[in-house]
């Protein structure tokens, strides 16, 4: 019982140790490959999103340009003239004199 181990018991222990080592190495290899694939996918998603952001920034600049152009003073003046809202000529304007002090004469 306390003597040297027999050959069958030693082989089984070596086999179990080798299998455990192989499983640990296989698990670590799988984990390494899986994490690398996730990192590649995340880099691809980041690149896609940064391209979308650039496209949206261009669209925002374009929309700002169109809004500024649509509401420019010249454009508003032309639209007002289309609807007959142009300033009247001087001979159509009646100027009233008012007292600045509030006294009525």
PDB file of N, CA and C in Angstrom:
ATOM      1  N   UNK A   1       0.809  -1.176   0.000  1.00  0.00           N
ATOM      2  CA  UNK A   1       0.000   0.000   0.000  1.00  0.00           C
ATOM      3  C   UNK A   1       0.865   1.257   0.000  1.00  0.00           C
ATOM      4  N   UNK A   2       1.917   1.292   0.807  1.00  0.00           N
ATOM      5  CA  UNK A   2       2.801   2.435   0.829  1.00  0.00           C
ATOM      6  C   UNK A   2       4.028   2.240  -0.035  1.00  0.00           C
ATOM      7  N   UNK A   3       4.043   1.266  -0.828  1.00  0.00           N
ATOM      8  CA  UNK A   3       5.193   0.982  -1.659  1.00  0.00           C
ATOM      9  C   UNK A   3       5.181   1.809  -2.929  1.00  0.00           C
ATOM     10  N   UNK A   4       6.064   1.551  -3.847  1.00  0.00           N
ATOM     11  CA  UNK A   4       6.111   2.295  -5.113  1.00  0.00           C
ATOM     12  C   UNK A   4       4.841   2.040  -5.909  1.00  0.00           C
ATOM     13  N   UNK A   5       4.369   3.095  -6.660  1.00  0.00           N
ATOM     14  CA  UNK A   5       3.138   2.913  -7.441  1.00  0.00           C
ATOM     15  C   UNK A   5       3.382   1.930  -8.574  1.00  0.00           C
ATOM     16  N   UNK A   6       2.320   1.211  -8.913  1.00  0.00           N
ATOM     17  CA  UNK A   6       2.486   0.274 -10.014  1.00  0.00           C
ATOM     18  C   UNK A   6       2.426   1.016 -11.347  1.00  0.00           C
ATOM     19  N   UNK A   7       2.817   0.358 -12.391  1.00  0.00           N
ATOM     20  CA  UNK A   7       2.956   0.979 -13.712  1.00  0.00           C
ATOM     21  C   UNK A   7       1.608   1.451 -14.241  1.00  0.00           C
ATOM     22  N   UNK A   8       0.540   0.749 -14.031  1.00  0.00           N
ATOM     23  CA  UNK A   8      -0.778   1.138 -14.524  1.00  0.00           C
ATOM     24  C   UNK A   8      -1.266   2.426 -13.904  1.00  0.00           C
ATOM     25  N   UNK A   9      -1.023   2.594 -12.613  1.00  0.00           N
ATOM     26  CA  UNK A   9      -1.460   3.809 -11.933  1.00  0.00           C
ATOM     27  C   UNK A   9      -0.652   5.012 -12.404  1.00  0.00           C
ATOM     28  N   UNK A  10       0.633   4.868 -12.650  1.00  0.00           N
ATOM     29  CA  UNK A  10       1.472   5.963 -13.126  1.00  0.00           C
ATOM     30  C   UNK A  10       1.068   6.385 -14.535  1.00  0.00           C
ATOM     31  N   UNK A  11       0.779   5.424 -15.389  1.00  0.00           N
ATOM     32  CA  UNK A  11       0.356   5.760 -16.759  1.00  0.00           C
ATOM     33  C   UNK A  11      -0.955   6.532 -16.745  1.00  0.00           C
ATOM     34  N   UNK A  12      -1.881   6.136 -15.899  1.00  0.00           N
ATOM     35  CA  UNK A  12      -3.171   6.818 -15.840  1.00  0.00           C
ATOM     36  C   UNK A  12      -2.990   8.257 -15.372  1.00  0.00           C
ATOM     37  N   UNK A  13      -2.133   8.483 -14.401  1.00  0.00           N
ATOM     38  CA  UNK A  13      -1.873   9.830 -13.910  1.00  0.00           C
ATOM     39  C   UNK A  13      -1.205  10.686 -14.986  1.00  0.00           C
ATOM     40  N   UNK A  14      -0.273  10.130 -15.734  1.00  0.00           N
ATOM     41  CA  UNK A  14       0.363  10.852 -16.838  1.00  0.00           C
ATOM     42  C   UNK A  14      -0.652  11.185 -17.927  1.00  0.00           C
ATOM     43  N   UNK A  15      -1.519  10.229 -18.234  1.00  0.00           N
ATOM     44  CA  UNK A  15      -2.552  10.437 -19.250  1.00  0.00           C
ATOM     45  C   UNK A  15      -3.503  11.549 -18.804  1.00  0.00           C
ATOM     46  N   UNK A  16      -3.910  11.536 -17.554  1.00  0.00           N
ATOM     47  CA  UNK A  16      -4.831  12.568 -17.037  1.00  0.00           C
ATOM     48  C   UNK A  16      -4.158  13.935 -17.041  1.00  0.00           C
ATOM     49  N   UNK A  17      -2.898  13.999 -16.648  1.00  0.00           N
ATOM     50  CA  UNK A  17      -2.166  15.271 -16.637  1.00  0.00           C
ATOM     51  C   UNK A  17      -1.997  15.804 -18.062  1.00  0.00           C
ATOM     52  N   UNK A  18      -1.694  14.912 -19.005  1.00  0.00           N
ATOM     53  CA  UNK A  18      -1.538  15.336 -20.401  1.00  0.00           C
ATOM     54  C   UNK A  18      -2.868  15.830 -20.959  1.00  0.00           C
ATOM     55  N   UNK A  19      -3.950  15.144 -20.657  1.00  0.00           N
ATOM     56  CA  UNK A  19      -5.270  15.565 -21.136  1.00  0.00           C
ATOM     57  C   UNK A  19      -5.658  16.913 -20.527  1.00  0.00           C
ATOM     58  N   UNK A  20      -5.368  17.122 -19.240  1.00  0.00           N
ATOM     59  CA  UNK A  20      -5.674  18.394 -18.592  1.00  0.00           C
ATOM     60  C   UNK A  20      -4.871  19.521 -19.233  1.00  0.00           C
ATOM     61  N   UNK A  21      -3.600  19.270 -19.510  1.00  0.00           N
ATOM     62  CA  UNK A  21      -2.756  20.284 -20.156  1.00  0.00           C
ATOM     63  C   UNK A  21      -3.273  20.605 -21.551  1.00  0.00           C
ATOM     64  N   UNK A  22      -3.666  19.574 -22.295  1.00  0.00           N
ATOM     65  CA  UNK A  22      -4.198  19.782 -23.647  1.00  0.00           C
ATOM     66  C   UNK A  22      -5.493  20.579 -23.583  1.00  0.00           C
ATOM     67  N   UNK A  23      -6.369  20.273 -22.640  1.00  0.00           N
ATOM     68  CA  UNK A  23      -7.625  21.014 -22.502  1.00  0.00           C
ATOM     69  C   UNK A  23      -7.380  22.473 -22.122  1.00  0.00           C
ATOM     70  N   UNK A  24      -6.429  22.720 -21.249  1.00  0.00           N
ATOM     71  CA  UNK A  24      -6.113  24.104 -20.867  1.00  0.00           C
ATOM     72  C   UNK A  24      -5.571  24.867 -22.073  1.00  0.00           C
ATOM     73  N   UNK A  25      -4.653  24.254 -22.790  1.00  0.00           N
ATOM     74  CA  UNK A  25      -4.077  24.910 -23.973  1.00  0.00           C
ATOM     75  C   UNK A  25      -5.152  25.147 -25.032  1.00  0.00           C
ATOM     76  N   UNK A  26      -6.024  24.152 -25.258  1.00  0.00           N
ATOM     77  CA  UNK A  26      -7.102  24.315 -26.245  1.00  0.00           C
ATOM     78  C   UNK A  26      -8.063  25.415 -25.816  1.00  0.00           C
ATOM     79  N   UNK A  27      -8.389  25.474 -24.534  1.00  0.00           N
ATOM     80  CA  UNK A  27      -9.285  26.523 -24.041  1.00  0.00           C
ATOM     81  C   UNK A  27      -8.690  27.905 -24.191  1.00  0.00           C
ATOM     82  N   UNK A  28      -7.421  28.043 -23.851  1.00  0.00           N
ATOM     83  CA  UNK A  28      -6.766  29.341 -23.996  1.00  0.00           C
ATOM     84  C   UNK A  28      -6.642  29.757 -25.457  1.00  0.00           C
ATOM     85  N   UNK A  29      -6.362  28.788 -26.331  1.00  0.00           N
ATOM     86  CA  UNK A  29      -6.290  29.090 -27.763  1.00  0.00           C
ATOM     87  C   UNK A  29      -7.642  29.538 -28.289  1.00  0.00           C
ATOM     88  N   UNK A  30      -8.701  28.825 -27.891  1.00  0.00           N
ATOM     89  CA  UNK A  30     -10.051  29.207 -28.311  1.00  0.00           C
ATOM     90  C   UNK A  30     -10.383  30.612 -27.820  1.00  0.00           C
ATOM     91  N   UNK A  31     -10.084  30.910 -26.560  1.00  0.00           N
ATOM     92  CA  UNK A  31     -10.357  32.223 -25.997  1.00  0.00           C
ATOM     93  C   UNK A  31      -9.596  33.314 -26.746  1.00  0.00           C
ATOM     94  N   UNK A  32      -8.325  33.063 -27.058  1.00  0.00           N
ATOM     95  CA  UNK A  32      -7.515  34.021 -27.802  1.00  0.00           C
ATOM     96  C   UNK A  32      -8.117  34.296 -29.182  1.00  0.00           C
ATOM     97  N   UNK A  33      -8.478  33.231 -29.900  1.00  0.00           N
ATOM     98  CA  UNK A  33      -9.044  33.402 -31.235  1.00  0.00           C
ATOM     99  C   UNK A  33     -10.402  34.084 -31.191  1.00  0.00           C
ATOM    100  N   UNK A  34     -11.215  33.740 -30.222  1.00  0.00           N
ATOM    101  CA  UNK A  34     -12.543  34.343 -30.113  1.00  0.00           C
ATOM    102  C   UNK A  34     -12.432  35.826 -29.801  1.00  0.00           C
ATOM    103  N   UNK A  35     -11.553  36.190 -28.874  1.00  0.00           N
ATOM    104  CA  UNK A  35     -11.387  37.599 -28.530  1.00  0.00           C
ATOM    105  C   UNK A  35     -10.835  38.401 -29.707  1.00  0.00           C
ATOM    106  N   UNK A  36      -9.916  37.807 -30.470  1.00  0.00           N
ATOM    107  CA  UNK A  36      -9.401  38.501 -31.659  1.00  0.00           C
ATOM    108  C   UNK A  36     -10.490  38.706 -32.695  1.00  0.00           C
ATOM    109  N   UNK A  37     -11.341  37.704 -32.881  1.00  0.00           N
ATOM    110  CA  UNK A  37     -12.424  37.872 -33.856  1.00  0.00           C
ATOM    111  C   UNK A  37     -13.389  38.953 -33.403  1.00  0.00           C
ATOM    112  N   UNK A  38     -13.679  39.036 -32.104  1.00  0.00           N
ATOM    113  CA  UNK A  38     -14.546  40.097 -31.584  1.00  0.00           C
ATOM    114  C   UNK A  38     -13.897  41.470 -31.784  1.00  0.00           C
ATOM    115  N   UNK A  39     -12.581  41.550 -31.564  1.00  0.00           N
ATOM    116  CA  UNK A  39     -11.880  42.821 -31.749  1.00  0.00           C
ATOM    117  C   UNK A  39     -11.931  43.258 -33.210  1.00  0.00           C
ATOM    118  N   UNK A  40     -11.787  42.317 -34.124  1.00  0.00           N
ATOM    119  CA  UNK A  40     -11.860  42.641 -35.556  1.00  0.00           C
ATOM    120  C   UNK A  40     -13.258  43.138 -35.911  1.00  0.00           C
ATOM    121  N   UNK A  41     -14.271  42.478 -35.393  1.00  0.00           N
ATOM    122  CA  UNK A  41     -15.655  42.888 -35.666  1.00  0.00           C
ATOM    123  C   UNK A  41     -15.918  44.278 -35.095  1.00  0.00           C
ATOM    124  N   UNK A  42     -15.427  44.552 -33.892  1.00  0.00           N
ATOM    125  CA  UNK A  42     -15.624  45.867 -33.289  1.00  0.00           C
ATOM    126  C   UNK A  42     -14.889  46.957 -34.062  1.00  0.00           C
ATOM    127  N   UNK A  43     -13.683  46.656 -34.559  1.00  0.00           N
ATOM    128  CA  UNK A  43     -12.959  47.639 -35.386  1.00  0.00           C
ATOM    129  C   UNK A  43     -13.727  47.933 -36.667  1.00  0.00           C
ATOM    130  N   UNK A  44     -14.302  46.887 -37.277  1.00  0.00           N
ATOM    131  CA  UNK A  44     -15.087  47.082 -38.497  1.00  0.00           C
ATOM    132  C   UNK A  44     -16.312  47.947 -38.212  1.00  0.00           C
ATOM    133  N   UNK A  45     -16.997  47.665 -37.108  1.00  0.00           N
ATOM    134  CA  UNK A  45     -18.172  48.453 -36.748  1.00  0.00           C
ATOM    135  C   UNK A  45     -17.799  49.908 -36.470  1.00  0.00           C
ATOM    136  N   UNK A  46     -16.667  50.116 -35.812  1.00  0.00           N
ATOM    137  CA  UNK A  46     -16.205  51.474 -35.530  1.00  0.00           C
ATOM    138  C   UNK A  46     -15.909  52.227 -36.824  1.00  0.00           C
ATOM    139  N   UNK A  47     -15.268  51.564 -37.772  1.00  0.00           N
ATOM    140  CA  UNK A  47     -14.972  52.202 -39.060  1.00  0.00           C
ATOM    141  C   UNK A  47     -16.261  52.541 -39.802  1.00  0.00           C
ATOM    142  N   UNK A  48     -17.225  51.632 -39.772  1.00  0.00           N
ATOM    143  CA  UNK A  48     -18.513  51.877 -40.435  1.00  0.00           C
ATOM    144  C   UNK A  48     -19.224  53.068 -39.804  1.00  0.00           C
ATOM    145  N   UNK A  49     -19.233  53.117 -38.482  1.00  0.00           N
ATOM    146  CA  UNK A  49     -19.901  54.221 -37.801  1.00  0.00           C
ATOM    147  C   UNK A  49     -19.186  55.546 -38.026  1.00  0.00           C
ATOM    148  N   UNK A  50     -17.867  55.534 -38.089  1.00  0.00           N
ATOM    149  CA  UNK A  50     -17.158  56.791 -38.352  1.00  0.00           C
ATOM    150  C   UNK A  50     -17.441  57.290 -39.771  1.00  0.00           C
ATOM    151  N   UNK A  51     -17.588  56.375 -40.723  1.00  0.00           N
ATOM    152  CA  UNK A  51     -17.978  56.793 -42.080  1.00  0.00           C
ATOM    153  C   UNK A  51     -19.384  57.364 -42.091  1.00  0.00           C
ATOM    154  N   UNK A  52     -20.283  56.772 -41.332  1.00  0.00           N
ATOM    155  CA  UNK A  52     -21.645  57.305 -41.241  1.00  0.00           C
ATOM    156  C   UNK A  52     -21.642  58.691 -40.620  1.00  0.00           C
ATOM    157  N   UNK A  53     -20.822  58.897 -39.602  1.00  0.00           N
ATOM    158  CA  UNK A  53     -20.731  60.211 -38.961  1.00  0.00           C
ATOM    159  C   UNK A  53     -20.222  61.243 -39.963  1.00  0.00           C
ATOM    160  N   UNK A  54     -19.220  60.883 -40.753  1.00  0.00           N
ATOM    161  CA  UNK A  54     -18.714  61.811 -41.762  1.00  0.00           C
ATOM    162  C   UNK A  54     -19.795  62.158 -42.778  1.00  0.00           C
ATOM    163  N   UNK A  55     -20.564  61.154 -43.215  1.00  0.00           N
ATOM    164  CA  UNK A  55     -21.649  61.417 -44.161  1.00  0.00           C
ATOM    165  C   UNK A  55     -22.704  62.333 -43.543  1.00  0.00           C
ATOM    166  N   UNK A  56     -23.037  62.096 -42.282  1.00  0.00           N
ATOM    167  CA  UNK A  56     -24.033  62.934 -41.615  1.00  0.00           C
ATOM    168  C   UNK A  56     -23.520  64.350 -41.403  1.00  0.00           C
ATOM    169  N   UNK A  57     -22.226  64.513 -41.126  1.00  0.00           N
ATOM    170  CA  UNK A  57     -21.667  65.855 -40.990  1.00  0.00           C
ATOM    171  C   UNK A  57     -21.752  66.609 -42.309  1.00  0.00           C
ATOM    172  N   UNK A  58     -21.492  65.911 -43.414  1.00  0.00           N
ATOM    173  CA  UNK A  58     -21.617  66.550 -44.727  1.00  0.00           C
ATOM    174  C   UNK A  58     -23.058  66.945 -44.986  1.00  0.00           C
ATOM    175  N   UNK A  59     -23.988  66.082 -44.609  1.00  0.00           N
ATOM    176  CA  UNK A  59     -25.402  66.389 -44.819  1.00  0.00           C
ATOM    177  C   UNK A  59     -25.837  67.575 -43.968  1.00  0.00           C
ATOM    178  N   UNK A  60     -25.341  67.657 -42.732  1.00  0.00           N
ATOM    179  CA  UNK A  60     -25.670  68.791 -41.868  1.00  0.00           C
ATOM    180  C   UNK A  60     -25.157  70.090 -42.482  1.00  0.00           C
ATOM    181  N   UNK A  61     -23.926  70.070 -42.978  1.00  0.00           N
ATOM    182  CA  UNK A  61     -23.379  71.275 -43.616  1.00  0.00           C
ATOM    183  C   UNK A  61     -24.198  71.674 -44.837  1.00  0.00           C
ATOM    184  N   UNK A  62     -24.609  70.686 -45.617  1.00  0.00           N
ATOM    185  CA  UNK A  62     -25.435  70.972 -46.793  1.00  0.00           C
ATOM    186  C   UNK A  62     -26.777  71.573 -46.389  1.00  0.00           C
ATOM    187  N   UNK A  63     -27.400  70.999 -45.363  1.00  0.00           N
ATOM    188  CA  UNK A  63     -28.692  71.523 -44.910  1.00  0.00           C
ATOM    189  C   UNK A  63     -28.553  72.924 -44.323  1.00  0.00           C
ATOM    190  N   UNK A  64     -27.475  73.175 -43.583  1.00  0.00           N
ATOM    191  CA  UNK A  64     -27.246  74.524 -43.052  1.00  0.00           C
ATOM    192  C   UNK A  64     -27.089  75.529 -44.187  1.00  0.00           C
ATOM    193  N   UNK A  65     -26.379  75.132 -45.226  1.00  0.00           N
ATOM    194  CA  UNK A  65     -26.196  76.021 -46.376  1.00  0.00           C
ATOM    195  C   UNK A  65     -27.537  76.330 -47.024  1.00  0.00           C
ATOM    196  N   UNK A  66     -28.372  75.285 -47.226  1.00  0.00           N
ATOM    197  CA  UNK A  66     -29.671  75.499 -47.869  1.00  0.00           C
ATOM    198  C   UNK A  66     -30.609  76.341 -47.006  1.00  0.00           C
ATOM    199  N   UNK A  67     -30.571  76.147 -45.691  1.00  0.00           N
ATOM    200  CA  UNK A  67     -31.407  76.954 -44.795  1.00  0.00           C
ATOM    201  C   UNK A  67     -30.942  78.399 -44.811  1.00  0.00           C
ATOM    202  N   UNK A  68     -29.639  78.626 -44.728  1.00  0.00           N
ATOM    203  CA  UNK A  68     -29.121  79.996 -44.766  1.00  0.00           C
ATOM    204  C   UNK A  68     -29.449  80.669 -46.093  1.00  0.00           C
ATOM    205  N   UNK A  69     -29.370  79.908 -47.164  1.00  0.00           N
ATOM    206  CA  UNK A  69     -29.691  80.463 -48.486  1.00  0.00           C
ATOM    207  C   UNK A  69     -31.178  80.772 -48.599  1.00  0.00           C
ATOM    208  N   UNK A  70     -32.016  79.882 -48.045  1.00  0.00           N
ATOM    209  CA  UNK A  70     -33.460  80.093 -48.144  1.00  0.00           C
ATOM    210  C   UNK A  70     -33.917  81.284 -47.319  1.00  0.00           C
ATOM    211  N   UNK A  71     -33.259  81.553 -46.207  1.00  0.00           N
ATOM    212  CA  UNK A  71     -33.675  82.656 -45.347  1.00  0.00           C
ATOM    213  C   UNK A  71     -32.761  83.870 -45.441  1.00  0.00           C
ATOM    214  N   UNK A  72     -32.026  83.983 -46.529  1.00  0.00           N
ATOM    215  CA  UNK A  72     -31.172  85.157 -46.701  1.00  0.00           C
ATOM    216  C   UNK A  72     -32.041  86.382 -46.985  1.00  0.00           C
ATOM    217  N   UNK A  73     -31.480  87.561 -46.731  1.00  0.00           N
ATOM    218  CA  UNK A  73     -32.232  88.812 -46.910  1.00  0.00           C
ATOM    219  C   UNK A  73     -32.686  88.982 -48.355  1.00  0.00           C
ATOM    220  N   UNK A  74     -31.825  88.652 -49.306  1.00  0.00           N
ATOM    221  CA  UNK A  74     -32.188  88.810 -50.715  1.00  0.00           C
ATOM    222  C   UNK A  74     -33.352  87.897 -51.093  1.00  0.00           C
ATOM    223  N   UNK A  75     -33.288  86.662 -50.616  1.00  0.00           N
ATOM    224  CA  UNK A  75     -34.346  85.688 -50.945  1.00  0.00           C
ATOM    225  C   UNK A  75     -35.673  86.104 -50.303  1.00  0.00           C
ATOM    226  N   UNK A  76     -35.622  86.555 -49.052  1.00  0.00           N
ATOM    227  CA  UNK A  76     -36.849  86.990 -48.394  1.00  0.00           C
ATOM    228  C   UNK A  76     -37.439  88.227 -49.073  1.00  0.00           C
ATOM    229  N   UNK A  77     -36.576  89.123 -49.501  1.00  0.00           N
ATOM    230  CA  UNK A  77     -37.048  90.324 -50.202  1.00  0.00           C
ATOM    231  C   UNK A  77     -37.717  89.944 -51.525  1.00  0.00           C
ATOM    232  N   UNK A  78     -37.129  88.980 -52.241  1.00  0.00           N
ATOM    233  CA  UNK A  78     -37.722  88.532 -53.513  1.00  0.00           C
ATOM    234  C   UNK A  78     -39.063  87.844 -53.266  1.00  0.00           C
ATOM    235  N   UNK A  79     -39.157  87.029 -52.223  1.00  0.00           N
ATOM    236  CA  UNK A  79     -40.426  86.356 -51.915  1.00  0.00           C
ATOM    237  C   UNK A  79     -41.493  87.374 -51.510  1.00  0.00           C
ATOM    238  N   UNK A  80     -41.099  88.378 -50.717  1.00  0.00           N
ATOM    239  CA  UNK A  80     -42.052  89.409 -50.321  1.00  0.00           C
ATOM    240  C   UNK A  80     -42.558  90.170 -51.537  1.00  0.00           C
ATOM    241  N   UNK A  81     -41.673  90.430 -52.488  1.00  0.00           N
ATOM    242  CA  UNK A  81     -42.092  91.127 -53.715  1.00  0.00           C
ATOM    243  C   UNK A  81     -43.051  90.255 -54.518  1.00  0.00           C
ATOM    244  N   UNK A  82     -42.864  88.938 -54.527  1.00  0.00           N
ATOM    245  CA  UNK A  82     -43.783  88.033 -55.223  1.00  0.00           C
ATOM    246  C   UNK A  82     -45.189  88.129 -54.652  1.00  0.00           C
ATOM    247  N   UNK A  83     -45.306  88.314 -53.345  1.00  0.00           N
ATOM    248  CA  UNK A  83     -46.616  88.374 -52.695  1.00  0.00           C
ATOM    249  C   UNK A  83     -47.131  89.801 -52.581  1.00  0.00           C
ATOM    250  N   UNK A  84     -46.465  90.739 -53.216  1.00  0.00           N
ATOM    251  CA  UNK A  84     -46.911  92.124 -53.205  1.00  0.00           C
ATOM    252  C   UNK A  84     -46.601  92.840 -51.903  1.00  0.00           C
ATOM    253  N   UNK A  85     -45.601  92.417 -51.210  1.00  0.00           N
ATOM    254  CA  UNK A  85     -45.248  93.019 -49.931  1.00  0.00           C
ATOM    255  C   UNK A  85     -44.025  93.915 -50.069  1.00  0.00           C
ATOM    256  N   UNK A  86     -43.836  94.501 -51.242  1.00  0.00           N
ATOM    257  CA  UNK A  86     -42.688  95.372 -51.468  1.00  0.00           C
ATOM    258  C   UNK A  86     -42.933  96.719 -50.787  1.00  0.00           C
ATOM    259  N   UNK A  87     -41.875  97.437 -50.452  1.00  0.00           N
ATOM    260  CA  UNK A  87     -42.066  98.764 -49.839  1.00  0.00           C
ATOM    261  C   UNK A  87     -42.784  99.710 -50.811  1.00  0.00           C
ATOM    262  N   UNK A  88     -43.605 100.575 -50.234  1.00  0.00           N
ATOM    263  CA  UNK A  88     -44.352 101.535 -51.058  1.00  0.00           C
ATOM    264  C   UNK A  88     -43.433 102.662 -51.522  1.00  0.00           C
ATOM    265  N   UNK A  89     -43.746 103.270 -52.662  1.00  0.00           N
ATOM    266  CA  UNK A  89     -42.970 104.434 -53.093  1.00  0.00           C
ATOM    267  C   UNK A  89     -43.196 105.605 -52.133  1.00  0.00           C
ATOM    268  N   UNK A  90     -42.316 106.570 -52.147  1.00  0.00           N
ATOM    269  CA  UNK A  90     -42.370 107.712 -51.222  1.00  0.00           C
ATOM    270  C   UNK A  90     -43.666 108.503 -51.345  1.00  0.00           C
ATOM    271  N   UNK A  91     -44.237 108.638 -52.540  1.00  0.00           N
ATOM    272  CA  UNK A  91     -45.439 109.451 -52.694  1.00  0.00           C
ATOM    273  C   UNK A  91     -46.680 108.771 -52.095  1.00  0.00           C
ATOM    274  N   UNK A  92     -46.595 107.496 -51.726  1.00  0.00           N
ATOM    275  CA  UNK A  92     -47.717 106.799 -51.098  1.00  0.00           C
ATOM    276  C   UNK A  92     -47.629 106.805 -49.569  1.00  0.00           C
ATOM    277  N   UNK A  93     -46.616 107.417 -49.036  1.00  0.00           N
ATOM    278  CA  UNK A  93     -46.402 107.411 -47.595  1.00  0.00           C
ATOM    279  C   UNK A  93     -46.812 108.767 -47.023  1.00  0.00           C
ATOM    280  N   UNK A  94     -47.609 108.757 -45.970  1.00  0.00           N
ATOM    281  CA  UNK A  94     -48.029 109.984 -45.286  1.00  0.00           C
ATOM    282  C   UNK A  94     -47.247 110.054 -43.981  1.00  0.00           C
ATOM    283  N   UNK A  95     -46.524 111.097 -43.807  1.00  0.00           N
ATOM    284  CA  UNK A  95     -45.724 111.278 -42.611  1.00  0.00           C
ATOM    285  C   UNK A  95     -46.509 112.143 -41.629  1.00  0.00           C
ATOM    286  N   UNK A  96     -46.699 111.691 -40.438  1.00  0.00           N
ATOM    287  CA  UNK A  96     -47.407 112.432 -39.401  1.00  0.00           C
ATOM    288  C   UNK A  96     -46.398 113.012 -38.429  1.00  0.00           C
ATOM    289  N   UNK A  97     -46.667 114.246 -38.036  1.00  0.00           N
ATOM    290  CA  UNK A  97     -45.792 114.871 -37.062  1.00  0.00           C
ATOM    291  C   UNK A  97     -46.339 114.578 -35.670  1.00  0.00           C
ATOM    292  N   UNK A  98     -45.444 114.200 -34.837  1.00  0.00           N
ATOM    293  CA  UNK A  98     -45.831 113.925 -33.448  1.00  0.00           C
ATOM    294  C   UNK A  98     -44.989 114.776 -32.533  1.00  0.00           C
ATOM    295  N   UNK A  99     -45.529 115.049 -31.362  1.00  0.00           N
ATOM    296  CA  UNK A  99     -44.805 115.789 -30.349  1.00  0.00           C
ATOM    297  C   UNK A  99     -44.019 114.793 -29.510  1.00  0.00           C
ATOM    298  N   UNK A 100     -42.751 115.011 -29.391  1.00  0.00           N
ATOM    299  CA  UNK A 100     -41.922 114.093 -28.633  1.00  0.00           C
ATOM    300  C   UNK A 100     -42.179 114.238 -27.144  1.00  0.00           C
ATOM    301  N   UNK A 101     -42.589 115.405 -26.669  1.00  0.00           N
ATOM    302  CA  UNK A 101     -42.809 115.635 -25.241  1.00  0.00           C
ATOM    303  C   UNK A 101     -44.163 115.149 -24.770  1.00  0.00           C
ATOM    304  N   UNK A 102     -45.059 114.815 -25.633  1.00  0.00           N
ATOM    305  CA  UNK A 102     -46.367 114.353 -25.244  1.00  0.00           C
ATOM    306  C   UNK A 102     -47.403 115.455 -25.226  1.00  0.00           C
ATOM    307  N   UNK A 103     -47.023 116.742 -25.470  1.00  0.00           N
ATOM    308  CA  UNK A 103     -47.986 117.845 -25.504  1.00  0.00           C
ATOM    309  C   UNK A 103     -48.719 117.827 -26.829  1.00  0.00           C
ATOM    310  N   UNK A 104     -50.005 118.035 -26.814  1.00  0.00           N
ATOM    311  CA  UNK A 104     -50.766 118.099 -28.064  1.00  0.00           C
ATOM    312  C   UNK A 104     -51.125 119.542 -28.326  1.00  0.00           C
ATOM    313  N   UNK A 105     -50.828 120.095 -29.478  1.00  0.00           N
ATOM    314  CA  UNK A 105     -51.131 121.489 -29.833  1.00  0.00           C
ATOM    315  C   UNK A 105     -52.348 121.542 -30.684  1.00  0.00           C
TER     316      UNK A 105
END
